[in-house]
All heavy atoms as atom14 arrays in JSON, in Angstrom:
{
  "sequence": "GGLVQAGGSLRLSCAASGNIFSINSMGWYRQAPGKQRELVALVTR",
  "atom14_mask": [
    [1, 1, 1, 1, 0, 0, 0, 0, 0, 0, 0, 0, 0, 0],
    [1, 1, 1, 1, 0, 0, 0, 0, 0, 0, 0, 0, 0, 0],
    [1, 1, 1, 1, 1, 1, 1, 1, 0, 0, 0, 0, 0, 0],
    [1, 1, 1, 1, 1, 1, 1, 0, 0, 0, 0, 0, 0, 0],
    [1, 1, 1, 1, 1, 1, 1, 1, 1, 0, 0, 0, 0, 0],
    [1, 1, 1, 1, 1, 0, 0, 0, 0, 0, 0, 0, 0, 0],
    [1, 1, 1, 1, 0, 0, 0, 0, 0, 0, 0, 0, 0, 0],
    [1, 1, 1, 1, 0, 0, 0, 0, 0, 0, 0, 0, 0, 0],
    [1, 1, 1, 1, 1, 1, 0, 0, 0, 0, 0, 0, 0, 0],
    [1, 1, 1, 1, 1, 1, 1, 1, 0, 0, 0, 0, 0, 0],
    [1, 1, 1, 1, 1, 1, 1, 1, 1, 1, 1, 0, 0, 0],
    [1, 1, 1, 1, 1, 1, 1, 1, 0, 0, 0, 0, 0, 0],
    [1, 1, 1, 1, 1, 1, 0, 0, 0, 0, 0, 0, 0, 0],
    [1, 1, 1, 1, 1, 1, 0, 0, 0, 0, 0, 0, 0, 0],
    [1, 1, 1, 1, 1, 0, 0, 0, 0, 0, 0, 0, 0, 0],
    [1, 1, 1, 1, 1, 0, 0, 0, 0, 0, 0, 0, 0, 0],
    [1, 1, 1, 1, 1, 1, 0, 0, 0, 0, 0, 0, 0, 0],
    [1, 1, 1, 1, 0, 0, 0, 0, 0, 0, 0, 0, 0, 0],
    [1, 1, 1, 1, 1, 1, 1, 1, 0, 0, 0, 0, 0, 0],
    [1, 1, 1, 1, 1, 1, 1, 1, 0, 0, 0, 0, 0, 0],
    [1, 1, 1, 1, 1, 1, 1, 1, 1, 1, 1, 0, 0, 0],
    [1, 1, 1, 1, 1, 1, 0, 0, 0, 0, 0, 0, 0, 0],
    [1, 1, 1, 1, 1, 1, 1, 1, 0, 0, 0, 0, 0, 0],
    [1, 1, 1, 1, 1, 1, 1, 1, 0, 0, 0, 0, 0, 0],
    [1, 1, 1, 1, 1, 1, 0, 0, 0, 0, 0, 0, 0, 0],
    [1, 1, 1, 1, 1, 1, 1, 1, 0, 0, 0, 0, 0, 0],
    [1, 1, 1, 1, 0, 0, 0, 0, 0, 0, 0, 0, 0, 0],
    [1, 1, 1, 1, 1, 1, 1, 1, 1, 1, 1, 1, 1, 1],
    [1, 1, 1, 1, 1, 1, 1, 1, 1, 1, 1, 1, 0, 0],
    [1, 1, 1, 1, 1, 1, 1, 1, 1, 1, 1, 0, 0, 0],
    [1, 1, 1, 1, 1, 1, 1, 1, 1, 0, 0, 0, 0, 0],
    [1, 1, 1, 1, 1, 0, 0, 0, 0, 0, 0, 0, 0, 0],
    [1, 1, 1, 1, 1, 1, 1, 0, 0, 0, 0, 0, 0, 0],
    [1, 1, 1, 1, 0, 0, 0, 0, 0, 0, 0, 0, 0, 0],
    [1, 1, 1, 1, 1, 1, 1, 1, 1, 0, 0, 0, 0, 0],
    [1, 1, 1, 1, 1, 1, 1, 1, 1, 0, 0, 0, 0, 0],
    [1, 1, 1, 1, 1, 1, 1, 1, 1, 1, 1, 0, 0, 0],
    [1, 1, 1, 1, 1, 1, 1, 1, 1, 0, 0, 0, 0, 0],
    [1, 1, 1, 1, 1, 1, 1, 1, 0, 0, 0, 0, 0, 0],
    [1, 1, 1, 1, 1, 1, 1, 0, 0, 0, 0, 0, 0, 0],
    [1, 1, 1, 1, 1, 0, 0, 0, 0, 0, 0, 0, 0, 0],
    [1, 1, 1, 1, 1, 1, 1, 1, 0, 0, 0, 0, 0, 0],
    [1, 1, 1, 1, 1, 1, 1, 0, 0, 0, 0, 0, 0, 0],
    [1, 1, 1, 1, 1, 1, 1, 0, 0, 0, 0, 0, 0, 0],
    [1, 1, 1, 1, 1, 1, 1, 1, 1, 1, 1, 0, 0, 0]
  ],
  "atom14_positions": [
    [[112.52, 125.94, 37.84], [112.16, 127.15, 37.15], [113.13, 128.24, 37.42], [113.97, 128.21, 38.25], [0.0, 0.0, 0.0], [0.0, 0.0, 0.0], [0.0, 0.0, 0.0], [0.0, 0.0, 0.0], [0.0, 0.0, 0.0], [0.0, 0.0, 0.0], [0.0, 0.0, 0.0], [0.0, 0.0, 0.0], [0.0, 0.0, 0.0], [0.0, 0.0, 0.0]],
    [[112.94, 129.28, 36.59], [113.8, 130.44, 36.69], [113.76, 131.33, 35.58], [112.85, 131.27, 34.72], [0.0, 0.0, 0.0], [0.0, 0.0, 0.0], [0.0, 0.0, 0.0], [0.0, 0.0, 0.0], [0.0, 0.0, 0.0], [0.0, 0.0, 0.0], [0.0, 0.0, 0.0], [0.0, 0.0, 0.0], [0.0, 0.0, 0.0], [0.0, 0.0, 0.0]],
    [[114.72, 132.21, 35.41], [114.92, 133.2, 34.43], [116.01, 132.85, 33.5], [117.16, 132.59, 33.94], [115.08, 134.58, 34.98], [115.39, 135.73, 33.99], [114.2, 135.98, 33.11], [115.83, 137.02, 34.81], [0.0, 0.0, 0.0], [0.0, 0.0, 0.0], [0.0, 0.0, 0.0], [0.0, 0.0, 0.0], [0.0, 0.0, 0.0], [0.0, 0.0, 0.0]],
    [[115.72, 132.84, 32.2], [116.68, 132.47, 31.14], [116.55, 133.4, 30.02], [115.43, 133.92, 29.8], [116.71, 130.97, 30.69], [117.0, 130.14, 31.85], [115.35, 130.67, 30.13], [0.0, 0.0, 0.0], [0.0, 0.0, 0.0], [0.0, 0.0, 0.0], [0.0, 0.0, 0.0], [0.0, 0.0, 0.0], [0.0, 0.0, 0.0], [0.0, 0.0, 0.0]],
    [[117.6, 133.52, 29.15], [117.47, 134.36, 27.97], [116.96, 133.42, 26.71], [117.1, 132.2, 26.81], [118.84, 134.97, 27.6], [119.28, 136.04, 28.55], [120.51, 136.6, 28.0], [121.37, 136.06, 27.33], [120.75, 137.91, 28.38], [0.0, 0.0, 0.0], [0.0, 0.0, 0.0], [0.0, 0.0, 0.0], [0.0, 0.0, 0.0], [0.0, 0.0, 0.0]],
    [[116.28, 134.1, 25.79], [115.87, 133.39, 24.65], [117.03, 132.56, 24.08], [118.2, 133.06, 23.94], [115.32, 134.25, 23.63], [0.0, 0.0, 0.0], [0.0, 0.0, 0.0], [0.0, 0.0, 0.0], [0.0, 0.0, 0.0], [0.0, 0.0, 0.0], [0.0, 0.0, 0.0], [0.0, 0.0, 0.0], [0.0, 0.0, 0.0], [0.0, 0.0, 0.0]],
    [[116.68, 131.29, 23.68], [117.7, 130.42, 23.1], [118.28, 129.5, 24.17], [119.06, 128.59, 23.78], [0.0, 0.0, 0.0], [0.0, 0.0, 0.0], [0.0, 0.0, 0.0], [0.0, 0.0, 0.0], [0.0, 0.0, 0.0], [0.0, 0.0, 0.0], [0.0, 0.0, 0.0], [0.0, 0.0, 0.0], [0.0, 0.0, 0.0], [0.0, 0.0, 0.0]],
    [[118.06, 129.84, 25.48], [118.68, 129.05, 26.52], [117.8, 127.83, 26.9], [116.91, 127.51, 26.19], [0.0, 0.0, 0.0], [0.0, 0.0, 0.0], [0.0, 0.0, 0.0], [0.0, 0.0, 0.0], [0.0, 0.0, 0.0], [0.0, 0.0, 0.0], [0.0, 0.0, 0.0], [0.0, 0.0, 0.0], [0.0, 0.0, 0.0], [0.0, 0.0, 0.0]],
    [[118.37, 127.15, 27.88], [117.73, 125.87, 28.27], [117.37, 125.82, 29.79], [118.01, 126.58, 30.59], [118.64, 124.69, 27.92], [118.92, 124.59, 26.59], [0.0, 0.0, 0.0], [0.0, 0.0, 0.0], [0.0, 0.0, 0.0], [0.0, 0.0, 0.0], [0.0, 0.0, 0.0], [0.0, 0.0, 0.0], [0.0, 0.0, 0.0], [0.0, 0.0, 0.0]],
    [[116.49, 125.04, 30.14], [116.05, 124.9, 31.48], [115.52, 123.51, 31.68], [114.94, 122.91, 30.71], [114.98, 125.89, 31.85], [114.83, 126.35, 33.26], [116.15, 127.1, 33.74], [113.7, 127.41, 33.41], [0.0, 0.0, 0.0], [0.0, 0.0, 0.0], [0.0, 0.0, 0.0], [0.0, 0.0, 0.0], [0.0, 0.0, 0.0], [0.0, 0.0, 0.0]],
    [[115.72, 122.94, 32.89], [115.25, 121.56, 33.19], [114.36, 121.61, 34.44], [114.82, 122.06, 35.44], [116.48, 120.61, 33.42], [116.06, 119.14, 33.73], [117.33, 118.35, 33.86], [116.98, 116.91, 34.32], [116.78, 115.91, 33.47], [116.85, 116.1, 32.17], [116.57, 114.71, 34.07], [0.0, 0.0, 0.0], [0.0, 0.0, 0.0], [0.0, 0.0, 0.0]],
    [[113.17, 121.23, 34.24], [112.21, 121.12, 35.32], [112.08, 119.7, 35.86], [112.22, 118.66, 35.13], [110.8, 121.52, 34.92], [110.7, 122.89, 34.33], [109.26, 123.2, 33.95], [111.32, 123.95, 35.18], [0.0, 0.0, 0.0], [0.0, 0.0, 0.0], [0.0, 0.0, 0.0], [0.0, 0.0, 0.0], [0.0, 0.0, 0.0], [0.0, 0.0, 0.0]],
    [[111.94, 119.55, 37.21], [111.76, 118.23, 37.87], [110.58, 118.29, 38.68], [110.14, 119.29, 39.31], [113.03, 117.95, 38.68], [114.17, 117.87, 37.97], [0.0, 0.0, 0.0], [0.0, 0.0, 0.0], [0.0, 0.0, 0.0], [0.0, 0.0, 0.0], [0.0, 0.0, 0.0], [0.0, 0.0, 0.0], [0.0, 0.0, 0.0], [0.0, 0.0, 0.0]],
    [[109.87, 117.09, 38.85], [108.81, 116.96, 39.7], [108.77, 115.62, 40.25], [108.72, 114.6, 39.59], [107.45, 117.23, 38.92], [105.94, 116.93, 39.85], [0.0, 0.0, 0.0], [0.0, 0.0, 0.0], [0.0, 0.0, 0.0], [0.0, 0.0, 0.0], [0.0, 0.0, 0.0], [0.0, 0.0, 0.0], [0.0, 0.0, 0.0], [0.0, 0.0, 0.0]],
    [[108.66, 115.51, 41.63], [108.59, 114.23, 42.31], [107.29, 114.07, 42.97], [106.89, 115.0, 43.73], [109.73, 114.15, 43.23], [0.0, 0.0, 0.0], [0.0, 0.0, 0.0], [0.0, 0.0, 0.0], [0.0, 0.0, 0.0], [0.0, 0.0, 0.0], [0.0, 0.0, 0.0], [0.0, 0.0, 0.0], [0.0, 0.0, 0.0], [0.0, 0.0, 0.0]],
    [[106.67, 112.95, 42.84], [105.48, 112.62, 43.56], [105.72, 111.76, 44.72], [106.51, 110.8, 44.62], [104.46, 111.9, 42.54], [0.0, 0.0, 0.0], [0.0, 0.0, 0.0], [0.0, 0.0, 0.0], [0.0, 0.0, 0.0], [0.0, 0.0, 0.0], [0.0, 0.0, 0.0], [0.0, 0.0, 0.0], [0.0, 0.0, 0.0], [0.0, 0.0, 0.0]],
    [[105.13, 112.08, 45.83], [105.29, 111.26, 47.1], [103.93, 111.07, 47.76], [102.96, 111.87, 47.47], [106.26, 111.95, 47.94], [105.84, 113.19, 48.4], [0.0, 0.0, 0.0], [0.0, 0.0, 0.0], [0.0, 0.0, 0.0], [0.0, 0.0, 0.0], [0.0, 0.0, 0.0], [0.0, 0.0, 0.0], [0.0, 0.0, 0.0], [0.0, 0.0, 0.0]],
    [[103.92, 110.12, 48.66], [102.65, 109.87, 49.4], [102.13, 108.44, 49.06], [102.76, 107.65, 48.49], [0.0, 0.0, 0.0], [0.0, 0.0, 0.0], [0.0, 0.0, 0.0], [0.0, 0.0, 0.0], [0.0, 0.0, 0.0], [0.0, 0.0, 0.0], [0.0, 0.0, 0.0], [0.0, 0.0, 0.0], [0.0, 0.0, 0.0], [0.0, 0.0, 0.0]],
    [[100.88, 108.25, 49.5], [100.23, 107.02, 49.32], [99.57, 106.95, 47.99], [98.47, 107.13, 47.74], [99.24, 106.83, 50.43], [98.67, 105.4, 50.5], [99.23, 104.51, 49.79], [97.49, 105.25, 51.13], [0.0, 0.0, 0.0], [0.0, 0.0, 0.0], [0.0, 0.0, 0.0], [0.0, 0.0, 0.0], [0.0, 0.0, 0.0], [0.0, 0.0, 0.0]],
    [[100.41, 106.6, 46.88], [99.9, 106.52, 45.59], [99.98, 105.04, 45.26], [100.94, 104.38, 45.23], [100.85, 107.24, 44.61], [100.93, 108.76, 45.0], [100.32, 107.18, 43.23], [101.76, 109.62, 44.18], [0.0, 0.0, 0.0], [0.0, 0.0, 0.0], [0.0, 0.0, 0.0], [0.0, 0.0, 0.0], [0.0, 0.0, 0.0], [0.0, 0.0, 0.0]],
    [[98.77, 104.56, 44.74], [98.66, 103.21, 44.36], [99.34, 102.94, 43.03], [100.16, 101.98, 42.84], [97.21, 102.73, 44.33], [96.98, 101.32, 43.79], [97.32, 100.32, 44.54], [96.49, 101.13, 42.54], [97.14, 98.92, 44.14], [96.32, 99.83, 42.08], [96.66, 98.77, 42.82], [0.0, 0.0, 0.0], [0.0, 0.0, 0.0], [0.0, 0.0, 0.0]],
    [[99.06, 103.67, 42.03], [99.57, 103.46, 40.75], [99.43, 104.72, 39.85], [98.31, 105.37, 39.87], [98.89, 102.33, 40.03], [99.39, 102.11, 38.67], [0.0, 0.0, 0.0], [0.0, 0.0, 0.0], [0.0, 0.0, 0.0], [0.0, 0.0, 0.0], [0.0, 0.0, 0.0], [0.0, 0.0, 0.0], [0.0, 0.0, 0.0], [0.0, 0.0, 0.0]],
    [[100.48, 105.2, 39.26], [100.39, 106.47, 38.44], [100.18, 106.06, 37.02], [100.97, 105.28, 36.41], [101.68, 107.27, 38.59], [101.92, 107.77, 40.05], [101.86, 108.33, 37.52], [103.21, 108.53, 40.24], [0.0, 0.0, 0.0], [0.0, 0.0, 0.0], [0.0, 0.0, 0.0], [0.0, 0.0, 0.0], [0.0, 0.0, 0.0], [0.0, 0.0, 0.0]],
    [[99.16, 106.66, 36.48], [98.79, 106.38, 35.05], [99.73, 107.21, 34.15], [100.25, 106.76, 33.07], [97.39, 106.68, 34.81], [96.48, 105.9, 35.58], [96.58, 104.67, 35.72], [95.44, 106.55, 36.21], [0.0, 0.0, 0.0], [0.0, 0.0, 0.0], [0.0, 0.0, 0.0], [0.0, 0.0, 0.0], [0.0, 0.0, 0.0], [0.0, 0.0, 0.0]],
    [[99.91, 108.47, 34.49], [100.75, 109.35, 33.66], [101.24, 110.51, 34.5], [100.64, 110.79, 35.58], [99.86, 109.96, 32.52], [98.81, 110.72, 32.99], [0.0, 0.0, 0.0], [0.0, 0.0, 0.0], [0.0, 0.0, 0.0], [0.0, 0.0, 0.0], [0.0, 0.0, 0.0], [0.0, 0.0, 0.0], [0.0, 0.0, 0.0], [0.0, 0.0, 0.0]],
    [[102.27, 111.22, 34.06], [102.74, 112.35, 34.65], [103.02, 113.39, 33.52], [103.44, 112.98, 32.44], [103.98, 112.15, 35.52], [103.77, 111.32, 36.77], [105.17, 111.18, 37.87], [105.14, 112.82, 38.53], [0.0, 0.0, 0.0], [0.0, 0.0, 0.0], [0.0, 0.0, 0.0], [0.0, 0.0, 0.0], [0.0, 0.0, 0.0], [0.0, 0.0, 0.0]],
    [[102.88, 114.61, 33.83], [103.08, 115.63, 32.78], [103.23, 117.05, 33.31], [103.21, 117.23, 34.45], [0.0, 0.0, 0.0], [0.0, 0.0, 0.0], [0.0, 0.0, 0.0], [0.0, 0.0, 0.0], [0.0, 0.0, 0.0], [0.0, 0.0, 0.0], [0.0, 0.0, 0.0], [0.0, 0.0, 0.0], [0.0, 0.0, 0.0], [0.0, 0.0, 0.0]],
    [[103.29, 117.87, 32.35], [103.46, 119.44, 32.67], [102.41, 120.09, 31.89], [102.12, 120.0, 30.72], [104.89, 119.76, 32.16], [105.99, 119.19, 33.0], [106.66, 118.08, 32.82], [106.47, 119.7, 34.26], [107.59, 117.79, 33.73], [107.46, 118.81, 34.64], [106.21, 120.82, 35.01], [108.23, 118.99, 35.8], [106.89, 121.0, 36.25], [107.94, 120.16, 36.57]],
    [[101.82, 121.12, 32.58], [100.86, 122.08, 32.03], [101.52, 123.45, 32.36], [102.41, 123.61, 33.16], [99.55, 122.04, 32.6], [98.76, 120.76, 32.29], [99.12, 119.47, 32.75], [97.65, 120.83, 31.41], [98.42, 118.35, 32.4], [96.96, 119.59, 31.08], [97.4, 118.44, 31.64], [96.67, 117.31, 31.31], [0.0, 0.0, 0.0], [0.0, 0.0, 0.0]],
    [[101.06, 124.45, 31.55], [101.54, 125.78, 31.79], [100.4, 126.74, 31.57], [99.45, 126.53, 30.88], [102.7, 126.14, 30.9], [102.38, 126.29, 29.4], [103.67, 126.48, 28.62], [103.36, 126.63, 27.2], [104.32, 126.78, 26.25], [105.55, 126.73, 26.63], [103.96, 126.94, 25.01], [0.0, 0.0, 0.0], [0.0, 0.0, 0.0], [0.0, 0.0, 0.0]],
    [[100.55, 127.91, 32.21], [99.55, 128.93, 32.05], [100.3, 130.23, 31.99], [100.98, 130.64, 32.92], [98.52, 128.97, 33.16], [97.43, 129.92, 33.07], [96.27, 129.76, 34.05], [96.44, 129.03, 35.08], [95.17, 130.26, 33.72], [0.0, 0.0, 0.0], [0.0, 0.0, 0.0], [0.0, 0.0, 0.0], [0.0, 0.0, 0.0], [0.0, 0.0, 0.0]],
    [[100.17, 130.91, 30.82], [100.76, 132.24, 30.63], [99.8, 133.32, 30.99], [98.57, 133.08, 31.03], [101.18, 132.32, 29.17], [0.0, 0.0, 0.0], [0.0, 0.0, 0.0], [0.0, 0.0, 0.0], [0.0, 0.0, 0.0], [0.0, 0.0, 0.0], [0.0, 0.0, 0.0], [0.0, 0.0, 0.0], [0.0, 0.0, 0.0], [0.0, 0.0, 0.0]],
    [[100.25, 134.55, 31.28], [99.37, 135.66, 31.59], [98.3, 135.81, 30.56], [98.57, 135.87, 29.31], [100.25, 136.8, 31.68], [101.51, 136.23, 32.05], [101.66, 134.96, 31.29], [0.0, 0.0, 0.0], [0.0, 0.0, 0.0], [0.0, 0.0, 0.0], [0.0, 0.0, 0.0], [0.0, 0.0, 0.0], [0.0, 0.0, 0.0], [0.0, 0.0, 0.0]],
    [[97.05, 135.84, 30.94], [95.94, 136.06, 30.03], [95.54, 134.89, 29.18], [94.66, 135.05, 28.27], [0.0, 0.0, 0.0], [0.0, 0.0, 0.0], [0.0, 0.0, 0.0], [0.0, 0.0, 0.0], [0.0, 0.0, 0.0], [0.0, 0.0, 0.0], [0.0, 0.0, 0.0], [0.0, 0.0, 0.0], [0.0, 0.0, 0.0], [0.0, 0.0, 0.0]],
    [[96.14, 133.75, 29.44], [95.8, 132.49, 28.62], [95.27, 131.46, 29.43], [95.48, 131.36, 30.64], [96.94, 132.09, 27.79], [97.48, 133.05, 26.76], [98.61, 132.46, 25.89], [98.96, 133.41, 24.81], [100.04, 132.9, 24.0], [0.0, 0.0, 0.0], [0.0, 0.0, 0.0], [0.0, 0.0, 0.0], [0.0, 0.0, 0.0], [0.0, 0.0, 0.0]],
    [[94.68, 130.36, 28.83], [94.19, 129.22, 29.54], [95.36, 128.3, 29.86], [96.35, 128.34, 29.15], [93.15, 128.46, 28.6], [91.87, 129.2, 28.41], [90.87, 129.16, 29.42], [90.99, 128.38, 30.36], [89.92, 130.06, 29.47], [0.0, 0.0, 0.0], [0.0, 0.0, 0.0], [0.0, 0.0, 0.0], [0.0, 0.0, 0.0], [0.0, 0.0, 0.0]],
    [[95.14, 127.53, 30.86], [96.15, 126.49, 31.17], [96.1, 125.38, 30.05], [95.1, 124.97, 29.57], [95.85, 125.79, 32.46], [96.97, 124.8, 32.89], [96.64, 124.28, 34.31], [96.74, 125.28, 35.29], [96.56, 125.06, 36.68], [96.63, 123.72, 37.11], [96.56, 126.04, 37.51], [0.0, 0.0, 0.0], [0.0, 0.0, 0.0], [0.0, 0.0, 0.0]],
    [[97.35, 125.02, 29.57], [97.38, 124.13, 28.42], [98.43, 123.02, 28.77], [99.34, 123.18, 29.57], [97.87, 124.78, 27.17], [99.3, 125.47, 27.21], [99.76, 126.04, 25.91], [99.09, 125.81, 24.97], [100.79, 126.7, 26.06], [0.0, 0.0, 0.0], [0.0, 0.0, 0.0], [0.0, 0.0, 0.0], [0.0, 0.0, 0.0], [0.0, 0.0, 0.0]],
    [[98.16, 121.88, 28.12], [99.1, 120.74, 28.23], [100.39, 121.05, 27.48], [100.21, 121.51, 26.28], [98.43, 119.48, 27.72], [99.34, 118.31, 27.59], [99.81, 117.7, 28.97], [98.69, 117.11, 26.84], [0.0, 0.0, 0.0], [0.0, 0.0, 0.0], [0.0, 0.0, 0.0], [0.0, 0.0, 0.0], [0.0, 0.0, 0.0], [0.0, 0.0, 0.0]],
    [[101.49, 120.77, 28.13], [102.81, 120.96, 27.47], [103.36, 119.64, 26.96], [103.66, 119.46, 25.87], [103.78, 121.62, 28.41], [105.18, 121.78, 27.7], [103.31, 123.02, 28.84], [0.0, 0.0, 0.0], [0.0, 0.0, 0.0], [0.0, 0.0, 0.0], [0.0, 0.0, 0.0], [0.0, 0.0, 0.0], [0.0, 0.0, 0.0], [0.0, 0.0, 0.0]],
    [[103.38, 118.65, 27.88], [103.93, 117.41, 27.61], [103.46, 116.37, 28.57], [103.08, 116.71, 29.76], [105.44, 117.36, 27.62], [0.0, 0.0, 0.0], [0.0, 0.0, 0.0], [0.0, 0.0, 0.0], [0.0, 0.0, 0.0], [0.0, 0.0, 0.0], [0.0, 0.0, 0.0], [0.0, 0.0, 0.0], [0.0, 0.0, 0.0], [0.0, 0.0, 0.0]],
    [[103.23, 115.14, 28.16], [102.76, 114.05, 29.05], [103.46, 112.71, 28.71], [103.8, 112.47, 27.48], [101.14, 113.95, 28.79], [100.39, 112.92, 29.57], [100.24, 113.41, 31.01], [99.1, 112.6, 28.89], [0.0, 0.0, 0.0], [0.0, 0.0, 0.0], [0.0, 0.0, 0.0], [0.0, 0.0, 0.0], [0.0, 0.0, 0.0], [0.0, 0.0, 0.0]],
    [[103.7, 111.98, 29.73], [104.25, 110.68, 29.52], [103.37, 109.71, 30.33], [103.14, 109.85, 31.45], [105.75, 110.58, 29.86], [105.98, 111.0, 31.4], [106.41, 109.2, 29.6], [0.0, 0.0, 0.0], [0.0, 0.0, 0.0], [0.0, 0.0, 0.0], [0.0, 0.0, 0.0], [0.0, 0.0, 0.0], [0.0, 0.0, 0.0], [0.0, 0.0, 0.0]],
    [[103.05, 108.59, 29.7], [102.18, 107.61, 30.38], [103.12, 106.52, 31.03], [104.3, 106.5, 30.84], [101.26, 106.84, 29.37], [102.05, 106.09, 28.36], [100.46, 107.87, 28.56], [0.0, 0.0, 0.0], [0.0, 0.0, 0.0], [0.0, 0.0, 0.0], [0.0, 0.0, 0.0], [0.0, 0.0, 0.0], [0.0, 0.0, 0.0], [0.0, 0.0, 0.0]],
    [[102.55, 105.65, 31.76], [103.27, 104.68, 32.51], [104.04, 103.67, 31.59], [105.03, 103.08, 31.99], [102.3, 103.86, 33.45], [101.27, 103.1, 32.8], [100.34, 102.41, 33.74], [99.21, 101.68, 33.19], [98.25, 101.1, 33.79], [98.33, 101.13, 35.15], [97.21, 100.54, 33.11], [0.0, 0.0, 0.0], [0.0, 0.0, 0.0], [0.0, 0.0, 0.0]]
  ]
}
């Protein structure tokens, strides 16, 4: 995460660790000021 200008690009990463048996899906949600948390993108196994 960080600060970018309009039209720019950014790459987010997320690593899961611990005692996980099987991951069904991983994804990203976001919450803007004054708004509900929403699904941005999801990828299944």
